[in-house]
Structure formats: structure tokens, C-alpha cells
Amino acid sequence: MNNIINNFIKHLTTVLFISVISFSAWAISLDDAKQKGLVGEMPDGYIGVVVNNSETRALVESINKKRKNIYIELARENKITMQQVTALAGAKAIQKTQSGHYIMNAAGNWVKK
């Protein structure tokens, strides 16, 4: 089981890195949105809206759609559930979140890391 999880984490890291490169048009906008405190990482592996406006919602929707497609593929490849994939992805994203950026805590509140 540990081999499956370790292998999955390696795949997830690689896929997320590739996805960031492939989202190059959004990468600066996502980084800017995080820097400005408009969005944050959630425990379910998706980005959430911290400050609600149409531009932020559009960015979050686009990023989350792409993440979901990646998660579906990872679940298939690793023969695990989407819930397992999103939980692992969320934990990893929160772990990698820079200090001062927002994350959603277990109570569902936005807090600065």
C-alpha cells in the first residue's frame, strides 16, 4: 500500500507540475490571485474563492476544471477513488502553500498560512 501511495504522490507531483506549465497563460494570474489573497487552497485539492468577484470566480472555475480532469486520470491510473486523489492533492497543495497565502482550515474558514 505504501508503494501505491508513494507512486501516486510522485505521479501527482509530476502531473501538477506539467499542468502548471500547460496553464502558463493562467499561471501568473493564479500566482497574482494568491499573492493578493483572492484565492486559496482547499483540503479537497481545489482552489477556492476568498474574495468574490467575477474575475476570481472565472480563474477558480478554469483551474478547478483542469485539476478535476487530472484527478480523474490519476484515480483511473492508480485504481483509487476520486476522494482519495483529492484528499492527497489537497494535503500536498496546502503543505506547499507559501506562508502568507490563504488555505481553508478544517472548520471551513480561510486562514493565512
Protein backbone atom coordinates (compact mmCIF):
# COMPACT_ATOMS: atom_id res chain seq x y z
CA MET A 1 0.00 0.00 0.00
CA ASN A 2 2.87 2.39 0.79
CA ASN A 3 4.32 1.78 -2.69
CA ILE A 4 0.98 2.69 -4.25
CA ILE A 5 0.75 5.90 -2.21
CA ASN A 6 4.38 6.87 -2.89
CA ASN A 7 3.95 6.13 -6.59
CA PHE A 8 0.73 8.12 -6.63
CA ILE A 9 2.37 11.12 -4.93
CA LYS A 10 5.19 11.05 -7.49
CA HIS A 11 2.63 10.97 -10.32
CA LEU A 12 0.58 13.73 -8.70
CA THR A 13 3.61 15.98 -8.28
CA THR A 14 4.65 15.41 -11.90
CA VAL A 15 1.15 15.98 -13.24
CA LEU A 16 0.64 19.13 -11.18
CA PHE A 17 3.98 20.48 -12.39
CA ILE A 18 3.10 19.73 -16.00
CA SER A 19 -0.35 21.21 -15.55
CA VAL A 20 1.13 24.43 -14.18
CA ILE A 21 3.37 24.67 -17.24
CA SER A 22 0.44 23.97 -19.55
CA PHE A 23 -1.62 26.67 -17.80
CA SER A 24 1.09 29.24 -18.50
CA ALA A 25 -1.49 31.81 -19.53
CA TRP A 26 -3.15 31.42 -16.10
CA ALA A 27 -0.01 30.81 -14.02
CA ILE A 28 0.74 34.49 -13.49
CA SER A 29 -2.91 35.25 -12.79
CA LEU A 30 -3.16 32.40 -10.28
CA ASP A 31 0.04 33.50 -8.57
CA ASP A 32 -1.17 37.10 -8.52
CA ALA A 33 -4.53 35.99 -7.12
CA LYS A 34 -2.79 34.06 -4.35
CA GLN A 35 -0.44 36.97 -3.61
CA LYS A 36 -3.40 39.36 -3.37
CA GLY A 37 -5.33 36.98 -1.12
CA LEU A 38 -8.14 36.46 -3.64
CA VAL A 39 -7.91 32.65 -3.74
CA GLY A 40 -6.65 29.87 -1.54
CA GLU A 41 -6.01 26.14 -1.47
CA MET A 42 -8.69 23.86 -0.06
CA PRO A 43 -8.33 20.42 1.59
CA ASP A 44 -10.25 18.84 -1.31
CA GLY A 45 -7.47 19.63 -3.80
CA TYR A 46 -9.20 22.56 -5.44
CA ILE A 47 -8.74 26.33 -5.37
CA GLY A 48 -11.38 28.36 -3.56
CA VAL A 49 -12.55 31.95 -3.81
CA VAL A 50 -11.51 34.08 -0.82
CA VAL A 51 -12.59 37.44 -2.26
CA ASN A 52 -15.60 37.08 -4.52
CA ASN A 53 -15.51 38.86 -7.88
CA SER A 54 -16.16 37.75 -11.45
CA GLU A 55 -12.50 37.60 -12.49
CA THR A 56 -11.57 35.49 -9.47
CA ARG A 57 -14.54 33.15 -9.97
CA ALA A 58 -13.58 32.66 -13.64
CA LEU A 59 -9.98 31.85 -12.71
CA VAL A 60 -11.05 29.41 -9.99
CA GLU A 61 -13.52 27.69 -12.30
CA SER A 62 -10.89 27.26 -15.02
CA ILE A 63 -8.18 25.96 -12.69
CA ASN A 64 -10.56 23.60 -10.87
CA LYS A 65 -11.90 22.16 -14.13
CA LYS A 66 -8.37 21.33 -15.22
CA ARG A 67 -7.47 19.92 -11.81
CA LYS A 68 -10.59 17.71 -11.84
CA ASN A 69 -9.60 16.25 -15.21
CA ILE A 70 -6.13 15.50 -13.84
CA TYR A 71 -7.59 13.93 -10.69
CA ILE A 72 -9.93 11.70 -12.72
CA GLU A 73 -6.99 10.41 -14.74
CA LEU A 74 -4.87 9.85 -11.63
CA ALA A 75 -7.69 7.92 -9.97
CA ARG A 76 -8.03 5.68 -13.04
CA GLU A 77 -4.29 5.12 -13.40
CA ASN A 78 -3.81 4.31 -9.72
CA LYS A 79 -7.10 2.44 -9.24
CA ILE A 80 -8.14 4.60 -6.31
CA THR A 81 -11.17 6.78 -5.69
CA MET A 82 -11.52 10.45 -6.59
CA GLN A 83 -11.97 11.14 -2.88
CA GLN A 84 -8.56 9.59 -2.19
CA VAL A 85 -6.97 11.57 -5.02
CA THR A 86 -8.47 14.90 -3.97
CA ALA A 87 -7.60 14.35 -0.30
CA LEU A 88 -3.96 13.62 -1.18
CA ALA A 89 -3.82 16.51 -3.63
CA GLY A 90 -5.36 18.89 -1.09
CA ALA A 91 -2.91 17.89 1.63
CA LYS A 92 0.02 18.29 -0.75
CA ALA A 93 -1.20 21.68 -2.06
CA ILE A 94 -1.74 23.01 1.46
CA GLN A 95 1.68 21.74 2.51
CA LYS A 96 3.29 23.56 -0.44
CA THR A 97 1.31 26.79 0.05
CA GLN A 98 3.57 29.74 0.75
CA SER A 99 3.46 31.50 4.08
CA GLY A 100 1.02 34.41 3.93
CA HIS A 101 -1.24 32.75 1.34
CA TYR A 102 -4.71 31.51 2.21
CA ILE A 103 -5.70 27.94 2.99
CA MET A 104 -9.02 26.60 4.15
CA ASN A 105 -8.85 25.05 7.62
CA ALA A 106 -10.79 22.02 8.88
CA ALA A 107 -13.61 24.31 10.08
CA GLY A 108 -14.06 25.66 6.55
CA ASN A 109 -12.59 29.09 7.30
CA TRP A 110 -9.95 30.90 5.28
CA VAL A 111 -6.73 31.46 7.25
CA LYS A 112 -3.31 32.70 6.26
CA LYS A 113 -0.68 30.03 6.41
